[in-house]
Amino acid sequence: MQIVRAHNHWARDWTVLVTLSGWFFLALGLFRMFAAGLYQRGSQSTSAGVFMALEGLLLVLALIMTLKAYRTDHG
């Protein structure tokens, strides 16, 4: 919730990834809380390959955000 409140920044650059990830994880957390049974059934029927692909995508997005945040020119 803190990312959504503190970093609600919609610009045409890499910082929108921070805002989108905050909103995505907020929605995912709410879905897990209020539709836990549906989420569990959906995750049980999903193959391990899909989970690995999603984890790889999250890793790439996290690396992009980390590298961009530590650049000195912020371009």
C-alpha atoms as a PDB file:
ATOM      1  CA  MET A   1       0.000   0.000   0.000  1.00  0.00           C
ATOM      2  CA  GLN A   2       2.886   2.327   0.705  1.00  0.00           C
ATOM      3  CA  ILE A   3       4.138   2.138  -2.894  1.00  0.00           C
ATOM      4  CA  VAL A   4       0.685   3.020  -4.223  1.00  0.00           C
ATOM      5  CA  ARG A   5       0.333   6.015  -1.900  1.00  0.00           C
ATOM      6  CA  ALA A   6       3.904   7.332  -2.057  1.00  0.00           C
ATOM      7  CA  HIS A   7       4.753   6.562  -5.680  1.00  0.00           C
ATOM      8  CA  ASN A   8       1.585   7.229  -7.669  1.00  0.00           C
ATOM      9  CA  HIS A   9       3.610   8.529 -10.622  1.00  0.00           C
ATOM     10  CA  TRP A  10       2.304   8.136 -14.177  1.00  0.00           C
ATOM     11  CA  ALA A  11       5.006   9.217 -16.619  1.00  0.00           C
ATOM     12  CA  ARG A  12       6.320   7.823 -19.877  1.00  0.00           C
ATOM     13  CA  ASP A  13       9.523   6.440 -18.388  1.00  0.00           C
ATOM     14  CA  TRP A  14      10.731   3.498 -16.338  1.00  0.00           C
ATOM     15  CA  THR A  15       9.294   4.846 -13.063  1.00  0.00           C
ATOM     16  CA  VAL A  16       5.814   3.773 -14.141  1.00  0.00           C
ATOM     17  CA  LEU A  17       7.018   0.195 -13.480  1.00  0.00           C
ATOM     18  CA  VAL A  18       7.188   1.022  -9.772  1.00  0.00           C
ATOM     19  CA  THR A  19       3.645   2.379  -9.799  1.00  0.00           C
ATOM     20  CA  LEU A  20       2.293  -0.533 -11.839  1.00  0.00           C
ATOM     21  CA  SER A  21       3.997  -3.107  -9.620  1.00  0.00           C
ATOM     22  CA  GLY A  22       2.524  -1.442  -6.546  1.00  0.00           C
ATOM     23  CA  TRP A  23      -0.997  -1.525  -7.974  1.00  0.00           C
ATOM     24  CA  PHE A  24      -0.553  -5.102  -9.221  1.00  0.00           C
ATOM     25  CA  PHE A  25       0.620  -6.434  -5.870  1.00  0.00           C
ATOM     26  CA  LEU A  26      -2.107  -4.525  -4.043  1.00  0.00           C
ATOM     27  CA  ALA A  27      -4.742  -6.121  -6.297  1.00  0.00           C
ATOM     28  CA  LEU A  28      -3.105  -9.555  -5.939  1.00  0.00           C
ATOM     29  CA  GLY A  29      -3.071  -9.252  -2.151  1.00  0.00           C
ATOM     30  CA  LEU A  30      -6.746  -8.264  -2.078  1.00  0.00           C
ATOM     31  CA  PHE A  31      -7.602 -11.178  -4.370  1.00  0.00           C
ATOM     32  CA  ARG A  32      -5.695 -13.579  -2.130  1.00  0.00           C
ATOM     33  CA  MET A  33      -7.518 -12.264   0.946  1.00  0.00           C
ATOM     34  CA  PHE A  34     -11.071 -12.182  -0.387  1.00  0.00           C
ATOM     35  CA  ALA A  35     -10.988 -15.085  -2.862  1.00  0.00           C
ATOM     36  CA  ALA A  36      -8.497 -17.416  -1.190  1.00  0.00           C
ATOM     37  CA  GLY A  37     -10.267 -20.611  -2.240  1.00  0.00           C
ATOM     38  CA  LEU A  38     -10.471 -19.571  -5.870  1.00  0.00           C
ATOM     39  CA  TYR A  39      -6.803 -18.545  -5.815  1.00  0.00           C
ATOM     40  CA  GLN A  40      -5.748 -21.897  -4.314  1.00  0.00           C
ATOM     41  CA  ARG A  41      -7.731 -23.897  -6.859  1.00  0.00           C
ATOM     42  CA  GLY A  42      -6.253 -21.852  -9.700  1.00  0.00           C
ATOM     43  CA  SER A  43      -2.700 -22.247  -8.449  1.00  0.00           C
ATOM     44  CA  GLN A  44      -3.095 -26.007  -7.996  1.00  0.00           C
ATOM     45  CA  SER A  45      -4.147 -26.467 -11.611  1.00  0.00           C
ATOM     46  CA  THR A  46      -1.251 -24.368 -12.966  1.00  0.00           C
ATOM     47  CA  SER A  47       1.922 -26.129 -14.076  1.00  0.00           C
ATOM     48  CA  ALA A  48       5.341 -25.484 -12.561  1.00  0.00           C
ATOM     49  CA  GLY A  49       6.593 -24.127 -15.903  1.00  0.00           C
ATOM     50  CA  VAL A  50       4.094 -21.279 -15.792  1.00  0.00           C
ATOM     51  CA  PHE A  51       5.205 -20.370 -12.284  1.00  0.00           C
ATOM     52  CA  MET A  52       8.862 -20.423 -13.363  1.00  0.00           C
ATOM     53  CA  ALA A  53       8.098 -18.157 -16.337  1.00  0.00           C
ATOM     54  CA  LEU A  54       6.250 -15.690 -14.103  1.00  0.00           C
ATOM     55  CA  GLU A  55       9.074 -15.708 -11.551  1.00  0.00           C
ATOM     56  CA  GLY A  56      11.563 -15.060 -14.375  1.00  0.00           C
ATOM     57  CA  LEU A  57       9.478 -12.122 -15.590  1.00  0.00           C
ATOM     58  CA  LEU A  58       9.327 -10.692 -12.066  1.00  0.00           C
ATOM     59  CA  LEU A  59      13.102 -11.073 -11.759  1.00  0.00           C
ATOM     60  CA  VAL A  60      13.704  -9.202 -15.021  1.00  0.00           C
ATOM     61  CA  LEU A  61      11.348  -6.368 -13.987  1.00  0.00           C
ATOM     62  CA  ALA A  62      13.004  -6.129 -10.568  1.00  0.00           C
ATOM     63  CA  LEU A  63      16.466  -5.988 -12.164  1.00  0.00           C
ATOM     64  CA  ILE A  64      15.354  -3.249 -14.569  1.00  0.00           C
ATOM     65  CA  MET A  65      13.901  -1.160 -11.749  1.00  0.00           C
ATOM     66  CA  THR A  66      16.978  -1.684  -9.564  1.00  0.00           C
ATOM     67  CA  LEU A  67      19.482  -0.800 -12.278  1.00  0.00           C
ATOM     68  CA  LYS A  68      17.510   2.247 -13.396  1.00  0.00           C
ATOM     69  CA  ALA A  69      17.142   3.488  -9.810  1.00  0.00           C
ATOM     70  CA  TYR A  70      20.892   3.341  -9.201  1.00  0.00           C
ATOM     71  CA  ARG A  71      21.868   5.193 -12.376  1.00  0.00           C
ATOM     72  CA  THR A  72      23.260   8.652 -11.724  1.00  0.00           C
ATOM     73  CA  ASP A  73      21.740  10.376 -14.778  1.00  0.00           C
ATOM     74  CA  HIS A  74      18.204   8.958 -14.163  1.00  0.00           C
ATOM     75  CA  GLY A  75      17.529   8.894 -17.878  1.00  0.00           C
END
